[in-house]
All heavy atoms as atom14 arrays in JSON, in Angstrom:
{
  "sequence": "SDLMKAIATGMDLAKTFSNTLPSSKDFMERFA",
  "atom14_mask": [
    [1, 1, 1, 1, 1, 1, 0, 0, 0, 0, 0, 0, 0, 0],
    [1, 1, 1, 1, 1, 1, 1, 1, 0, 0, 0, 0, 0, 0],
    [1, 1, 1, 1, 1, 1, 1, 1, 0, 0, 0, 0, 0, 0],
    [1, 1, 1, 1, 1, 1, 1, 1, 0, 0, 0, 0, 0, 0],
    [1, 1, 1, 1, 1, 1, 1, 1, 1, 0, 0, 0, 0, 0],
    [1, 1, 1, 1, 1, 0, 0, 0, 0, 0, 0, 0, 0, 0],
    [1, 1, 1, 1, 1, 1, 1, 1, 0, 0, 0, 0, 0, 0],
    [1, 1, 1, 1, 1, 0, 0, 0, 0, 0, 0, 0, 0, 0],
    [1, 1, 1, 1, 1, 1, 1, 0, 0, 0, 0, 0, 0, 0],
    [1, 1, 1, 1, 0, 0, 0, 0, 0, 0, 0, 0, 0, 0],
    [1, 1, 1, 1, 1, 1, 1, 1, 0, 0, 0, 0, 0, 0],
    [1, 1, 1, 1, 1, 1, 1, 1, 0, 0, 0, 0, 0, 0],
    [1, 1, 1, 1, 1, 1, 1, 1, 0, 0, 0, 0, 0, 0],
    [1, 1, 1, 1, 1, 0, 0, 0, 0, 0, 0, 0, 0, 0],
    [1, 1, 1, 1, 1, 1, 1, 1, 1, 0, 0, 0, 0, 0],
    [1, 1, 1, 1, 1, 1, 1, 0, 0, 0, 0, 0, 0, 0],
    [1, 1, 1, 1, 1, 1, 1, 1, 1, 1, 1, 0, 0, 0],
    [1, 1, 1, 1, 1, 1, 0, 0, 0, 0, 0, 0, 0, 0],
    [1, 1, 1, 1, 1, 1, 1, 1, 0, 0, 0, 0, 0, 0],
    [1, 1, 1, 1, 1, 1, 1, 0, 0, 0, 0, 0, 0, 0],
    [1, 1, 1, 1, 1, 1, 1, 1, 0, 0, 0, 0, 0, 0],
    [1, 1, 1, 1, 1, 1, 1, 0, 0, 0, 0, 0, 0, 0],
    [1, 1, 1, 1, 1, 1, 0, 0, 0, 0, 0, 0, 0, 0],
    [1, 1, 1, 1, 1, 1, 0, 0, 0, 0, 0, 0, 0, 0],
    [1, 1, 1, 1, 1, 1, 1, 1, 1, 0, 0, 0, 0, 0],
    [1, 1, 1, 1, 1, 1, 1, 1, 0, 0, 0, 0, 0, 0],
    [1, 1, 1, 1, 1, 1, 1, 1, 1, 1, 1, 0, 0, 0],
    [1, 1, 1, 1, 1, 1, 1, 1, 0, 0, 0, 0, 0, 0],
    [1, 1, 1, 1, 1, 1, 1, 1, 1, 0, 0, 0, 0, 0],
    [1, 1, 1, 1, 1, 1, 1, 1, 1, 1, 1, 0, 0, 0],
    [1, 1, 1, 1, 1, 1, 1, 1, 1, 1, 1, 0, 0, 0],
    [1, 1, 1, 1, 1, 0, 0, 0, 0, 0, 0, 0, 0, 0]
  ],
  "atom14_positions": [
    [[26.48, -24.34, 33.27], [27.13, -24.8, 34.62], [25.97, -24.98, 35.59], [25.27, -24.11, 35.97], [28.13, -23.59, 35.08], [28.46, -23.89, 36.41], [0.0, 0.0, 0.0], [0.0, 0.0, 0.0], [0.0, 0.0, 0.0], [0.0, 0.0, 0.0], [0.0, 0.0, 0.0], [0.0, 0.0, 0.0], [0.0, 0.0, 0.0], [0.0, 0.0, 0.0]],
    [[26.15, -26.22, 36.14], [25.13, -26.5, 37.25], [25.41, -25.69, 38.54], [24.51, -25.35, 39.21], [25.2, -28.01, 37.53], [24.71, -28.87, 36.45], [23.84, -28.44, 35.69], [25.0, -30.04, 36.41], [0.0, 0.0, 0.0], [0.0, 0.0, 0.0], [0.0, 0.0, 0.0], [0.0, 0.0, 0.0], [0.0, 0.0, 0.0], [0.0, 0.0, 0.0]],
    [[26.75, -25.45, 38.73], [27.06, -24.62, 39.9], [26.53, -23.22, 39.74], [25.87, -22.6, 40.71], [28.56, -24.44, 40.04], [29.12, -23.48, 41.09], [28.64, -23.9, 42.42], [30.6, -23.46, 40.99], [0.0, 0.0, 0.0], [0.0, 0.0, 0.0], [0.0, 0.0, 0.0], [0.0, 0.0, 0.0], [0.0, 0.0, 0.0], [0.0, 0.0, 0.0]],
    [[26.66, -22.57, 38.55], [26.01, -21.23, 38.33], [24.54, -21.25, 38.43], [23.89, -20.29, 38.97], [26.56, -20.76, 37.02], [28.06, -20.41, 36.98], [28.62, -19.19, 38.08], [29.48, -20.06, 39.33], [0.0, 0.0, 0.0], [0.0, 0.0, 0.0], [0.0, 0.0, 0.0], [0.0, 0.0, 0.0], [0.0, 0.0, 0.0], [0.0, 0.0, 0.0]],
    [[23.9, -22.34, 37.92], [22.43, -22.35, 37.96], [21.97, -22.52, 39.48], [21.07, -21.91, 39.8], [22.01, -23.62, 37.24], [22.14, -23.46, 35.68], [21.78, -24.84, 35.0], [22.12, -24.77, 33.54], [21.73, -26.07, 32.89], [0.0, 0.0, 0.0], [0.0, 0.0, 0.0], [0.0, 0.0, 0.0], [0.0, 0.0, 0.0], [0.0, 0.0, 0.0]],
    [[22.81, -23.23, 40.18], [22.5, -23.33, 41.68], [22.51, -21.96, 42.35], [21.67, -21.65, 43.22], [23.25, -24.4, 42.31], [0.0, 0.0, 0.0], [0.0, 0.0, 0.0], [0.0, 0.0, 0.0], [0.0, 0.0, 0.0], [0.0, 0.0, 0.0], [0.0, 0.0, 0.0], [0.0, 0.0, 0.0], [0.0, 0.0, 0.0], [0.0, 0.0, 0.0]],
    [[23.69, -21.37, 42.1], [23.81, -20.02, 42.6], [22.76, -19.04, 42.26], [22.19, -18.35, 43.11], [25.24, -19.43, 42.27], [26.31, -20.28, 42.99], [25.38, -17.97, 42.73], [27.64, -19.88, 42.46], [0.0, 0.0, 0.0], [0.0, 0.0, 0.0], [0.0, 0.0, 0.0], [0.0, 0.0, 0.0], [0.0, 0.0, 0.0], [0.0, 0.0, 0.0]],
    [[22.28, -19.04, 41.0], [21.31, -18.2, 40.63], [19.98, -18.44, 41.27], [19.25, -17.54, 41.68], [21.06, -18.43, 38.96], [0.0, 0.0, 0.0], [0.0, 0.0, 0.0], [0.0, 0.0, 0.0], [0.0, 0.0, 0.0], [0.0, 0.0, 0.0], [0.0, 0.0, 0.0], [0.0, 0.0, 0.0], [0.0, 0.0, 0.0], [0.0, 0.0, 0.0]],
    [[19.63, -19.74, 41.48], [18.43, -20.1, 42.28], [18.48, -19.53, 43.62], [17.49, -19.07, 44.17], [18.27, -21.68, 42.2], [18.1, -22.1, 40.91], [17.09, -22.11, 43.03], [0.0, 0.0, 0.0], [0.0, 0.0, 0.0], [0.0, 0.0, 0.0], [0.0, 0.0, 0.0], [0.0, 0.0, 0.0], [0.0, 0.0, 0.0], [0.0, 0.0, 0.0]],
    [[19.65, -19.73, 44.33], [19.86, -19.21, 45.59], [19.71, -17.71, 45.69], [19.15, -17.13, 46.66], [0.0, 0.0, 0.0], [0.0, 0.0, 0.0], [0.0, 0.0, 0.0], [0.0, 0.0, 0.0], [0.0, 0.0, 0.0], [0.0, 0.0, 0.0], [0.0, 0.0, 0.0], [0.0, 0.0, 0.0], [0.0, 0.0, 0.0], [0.0, 0.0, 0.0]],
    [[20.17, -17.04, 44.59], [20.09, -15.6, 44.7], [18.59, -15.11, 44.57], [18.11, -14.24, 45.23], [20.82, -14.96, 43.48], [22.3, -15.13, 43.64], [23.3, -14.5, 42.21], [23.17, -12.77, 42.48], [0.0, 0.0, 0.0], [0.0, 0.0, 0.0], [0.0, 0.0, 0.0], [0.0, 0.0, 0.0], [0.0, 0.0, 0.0], [0.0, 0.0, 0.0]],
    [[17.84, -15.8, 43.85], [16.35, -15.43, 43.75], [15.62, -15.76, 45.09], [14.87, -14.96, 45.5], [15.62, -16.33, 42.68], [15.74, -15.74, 41.33], [16.08, -14.53, 41.19], [15.43, -16.41, 40.37], [0.0, 0.0, 0.0], [0.0, 0.0, 0.0], [0.0, 0.0, 0.0], [0.0, 0.0, 0.0], [0.0, 0.0, 0.0], [0.0, 0.0, 0.0]],
    [[16.14, -16.8, 45.81], [15.57, -16.99, 47.17], [16.0, -15.96, 48.12], [15.26, -15.42, 49.0], [16.06, -18.33, 47.7], [15.51, -19.63, 46.93], [16.11, -20.89, 47.44], [13.91, -19.72, 47.1], [0.0, 0.0, 0.0], [0.0, 0.0, 0.0], [0.0, 0.0, 0.0], [0.0, 0.0, 0.0], [0.0, 0.0, 0.0], [0.0, 0.0, 0.0]],
    [[17.27, -15.52, 48.0], [17.86, -14.51, 48.85], [17.12, -13.11, 48.59], [17.17, -12.25, 49.53], [19.36, -14.38, 48.64], [0.0, 0.0, 0.0], [0.0, 0.0, 0.0], [0.0, 0.0, 0.0], [0.0, 0.0, 0.0], [0.0, 0.0, 0.0], [0.0, 0.0, 0.0], [0.0, 0.0, 0.0], [0.0, 0.0, 0.0], [0.0, 0.0, 0.0]],
    [[16.66, -12.87, 47.45], [16.06, -11.59, 47.13], [14.81, -11.42, 47.98], [14.33, -10.3, 48.15], [15.69, -11.49, 45.77], [16.86, -11.22, 44.8], [16.46, -11.15, 43.35], [15.62, -9.83, 42.99], [16.5, -8.61, 43.09], [0.0, 0.0, 0.0], [0.0, 0.0, 0.0], [0.0, 0.0, 0.0], [0.0, 0.0, 0.0], [0.0, 0.0, 0.0]],
    [[14.29, -12.42, 48.61], [13.27, -12.3, 49.54], [13.67, -11.53, 50.77], [12.84, -10.71, 51.31], [12.8, -13.63, 50.07], [12.46, -14.44, 49.01], [11.59, -13.56, 51.02], [0.0, 0.0, 0.0], [0.0, 0.0, 0.0], [0.0, 0.0, 0.0], [0.0, 0.0, 0.0], [0.0, 0.0, 0.0], [0.0, 0.0, 0.0], [0.0, 0.0, 0.0]],
    [[14.96, -11.49, 51.1], [15.49, -10.72, 52.18], [16.25, -9.46, 51.83], [16.56, -8.64, 52.61], [16.39, -11.69, 53.08], [15.73, -12.94, 53.45], [15.94, -14.13, 52.71], [14.79, -12.99, 54.53], [15.38, -15.25, 53.04], [14.18, -14.2, 54.87], [14.45, -15.3, 54.14], [0.0, 0.0, 0.0], [0.0, 0.0, 0.0], [0.0, 0.0, 0.0]],
    [[16.6, -9.46, 50.62], [17.46, -8.26, 50.16], [17.13, -7.99, 48.64], [17.22, -8.9, 47.82], [18.94, -8.57, 50.3], [19.73, -7.5, 49.71], [0.0, 0.0, 0.0], [0.0, 0.0, 0.0], [0.0, 0.0, 0.0], [0.0, 0.0, 0.0], [0.0, 0.0, 0.0], [0.0, 0.0, 0.0], [0.0, 0.0, 0.0], [0.0, 0.0, 0.0]],
    [[16.82, -6.75, 48.3], [16.51, -6.45, 46.96], [17.71, -5.83, 46.17], [17.57, -5.28, 45.1], [15.31, -5.48, 46.88], [15.51, -4.18, 47.63], [16.65, -3.93, 48.06], [14.56, -3.26, 47.7], [0.0, 0.0, 0.0], [0.0, 0.0, 0.0], [0.0, 0.0, 0.0], [0.0, 0.0, 0.0], [0.0, 0.0, 0.0], [0.0, 0.0, 0.0]],
    [[18.9, -5.98, 46.89], [20.09, -5.37, 46.21], [20.67, -6.46, 45.32], [21.6, -6.04, 44.54], [21.12, -4.87, 47.25], [21.5, -6.04, 48.11], [20.43, -3.86, 48.2], [0.0, 0.0, 0.0], [0.0, 0.0, 0.0], [0.0, 0.0, 0.0], [0.0, 0.0, 0.0], [0.0, 0.0, 0.0], [0.0, 0.0, 0.0], [0.0, 0.0, 0.0]],
    [[20.34, -7.66, 45.41], [20.96, -8.68, 44.58], [20.4, -8.63, 43.16], [19.27, -8.32, 42.87], [20.73, -10.08, 45.15], [21.37, -10.32, 46.51], [20.91, -11.65, 47.05], [22.91, -10.36, 46.34], [0.0, 0.0, 0.0], [0.0, 0.0, 0.0], [0.0, 0.0, 0.0], [0.0, 0.0, 0.0], [0.0, 0.0, 0.0], [0.0, 0.0, 0.0]],
    [[21.26, -9.03, 42.11], [20.66, -9.09, 40.75], [19.67, -10.26, 40.67], [19.74, -11.21, 41.43], [21.89, -9.28, 39.98], [22.92, -9.98, 40.83], [22.63, -9.36, 42.18], [0.0, 0.0, 0.0], [0.0, 0.0, 0.0], [0.0, 0.0, 0.0], [0.0, 0.0, 0.0], [0.0, 0.0, 0.0], [0.0, 0.0, 0.0], [0.0, 0.0, 0.0]],
    [[18.89, -10.19, 39.69], [17.9, -11.35, 39.4], [18.8, -12.5, 38.92], [19.92, -12.39, 38.38], [16.87, -10.94, 38.45], [17.47, -10.77, 37.1], [0.0, 0.0, 0.0], [0.0, 0.0, 0.0], [0.0, 0.0, 0.0], [0.0, 0.0, 0.0], [0.0, 0.0, 0.0], [0.0, 0.0, 0.0], [0.0, 0.0, 0.0], [0.0, 0.0, 0.0]],
    [[18.21, -13.74, 38.99], [18.95, -14.95, 38.38], [19.12, -14.74, 36.96], [20.17, -15.09, 36.44], [18.05, -16.21, 38.73], [16.86, -16.04, 38.19], [0.0, 0.0, 0.0], [0.0, 0.0, 0.0], [0.0, 0.0, 0.0], [0.0, 0.0, 0.0], [0.0, 0.0, 0.0], [0.0, 0.0, 0.0], [0.0, 0.0, 0.0], [0.0, 0.0, 0.0]],
    [[18.22, -14.16, 36.25], [18.39, -13.87, 34.77], [19.55, -12.94, 34.52], [20.37, -13.34, 33.67], [17.09, -13.34, 34.22], [17.14, -12.99, 32.66], [15.82, -12.4, 32.21], [15.92, -12.06, 30.76], [16.11, -13.11, 29.87], [0.0, 0.0, 0.0], [0.0, 0.0, 0.0], [0.0, 0.0, 0.0], [0.0, 0.0, 0.0], [0.0, 0.0, 0.0]],
    [[19.66, -11.86, 35.22], [20.81, -10.97, 35.06], [22.08, -11.63, 35.44], [23.13, -11.51, 34.69], [20.67, -9.7, 35.86], [19.58, -8.74, 35.23], [19.28, -8.89, 34.0], [19.24, -7.67, 35.92], [0.0, 0.0, 0.0], [0.0, 0.0, 0.0], [0.0, 0.0, 0.0], [0.0, 0.0, 0.0], [0.0, 0.0, 0.0], [0.0, 0.0, 0.0]],
    [[22.06, -12.38, 36.51], [23.35, -13.04, 37.01], [23.82, -14.02, 35.88], [25.08, -14.14, 35.63], [22.97, -13.89, 38.24], [24.19, -14.68, 38.69], [25.28, -14.13, 39.29], [24.12, -16.07, 38.56], [26.27, -14.94, 39.68], [25.08, -16.89, 39.1], [26.29, -16.33, 39.58], [0.0, 0.0, 0.0], [0.0, 0.0, 0.0], [0.0, 0.0, 0.0]],
    [[22.88, -14.78, 35.27], [23.25, -15.76, 34.35], [23.57, -15.19, 32.91], [24.41, -15.69, 32.23], [22.21, -16.84, 34.16], [21.91, -17.71, 35.36], [23.37, -18.71, 35.78], [23.41, -19.81, 34.38], [0.0, 0.0, 0.0], [0.0, 0.0, 0.0], [0.0, 0.0, 0.0], [0.0, 0.0, 0.0], [0.0, 0.0, 0.0], [0.0, 0.0, 0.0]],
    [[22.91, -14.12, 32.58], [23.05, -13.6, 31.18], [23.94, -12.39, 31.0], [24.34, -12.06, 29.98], [21.58, -13.22, 30.68], [20.69, -14.5, 30.52], [19.38, -14.15, 29.99], [19.12, -12.95, 29.64], [18.5, -15.07, 29.84], [0.0, 0.0, 0.0], [0.0, 0.0, 0.0], [0.0, 0.0, 0.0], [0.0, 0.0, 0.0], [0.0, 0.0, 0.0]],
    [[24.25, -11.69, 32.12], [24.99, -10.48, 32.0], [26.31, -10.49, 32.79], [27.31, -9.72, 32.29], [24.17, -9.2, 32.61], [22.9, -8.94, 31.84], [22.15, -7.75, 32.48], [23.06, -6.64, 32.66], [22.97, -5.78, 33.72], [22.05, -5.85, 34.58], [23.8, -4.84, 33.75], [0.0, 0.0, 0.0], [0.0, 0.0, 0.0], [0.0, 0.0, 0.0]],
    [[26.44, -11.19, 33.77], [27.61, -11.04, 34.65], [28.58, -12.25, 34.44], [28.15, -13.37, 34.46], [27.2, -10.93, 36.13], [26.42, -9.69, 36.44], [25.15, -9.73, 36.74], [27.13, -8.49, 36.49], [24.36, -8.65, 37.04], [26.43, -7.28, 36.74], [24.93, -7.42, 37.09], [0.0, 0.0, 0.0], [0.0, 0.0, 0.0], [0.0, 0.0, 0.0]],
    [[29.93, -11.88, 34.38], [31.0, -12.92, 34.5], [31.22, -13.24, 35.97], [30.96, -12.38, 36.8], [32.2, -12.43, 33.84], [0.0, 0.0, 0.0], [0.0, 0.0, 0.0], [0.0, 0.0, 0.0], [0.0, 0.0, 0.0], [0.0, 0.0, 0.0], [0.0, 0.0, 0.0], [0.0, 0.0, 0.0], [0.0, 0.0, 0.0], [0.0, 0.0, 0.0]]
  ]
}
């Protein structure tokens, strides 16, 4: 999914401001 890939990229950028978010790898590979 391009949408999910875009969200994952955004989450990695957001981790600059918050370390509570999962990594893009975890988001894509572990979470529904």
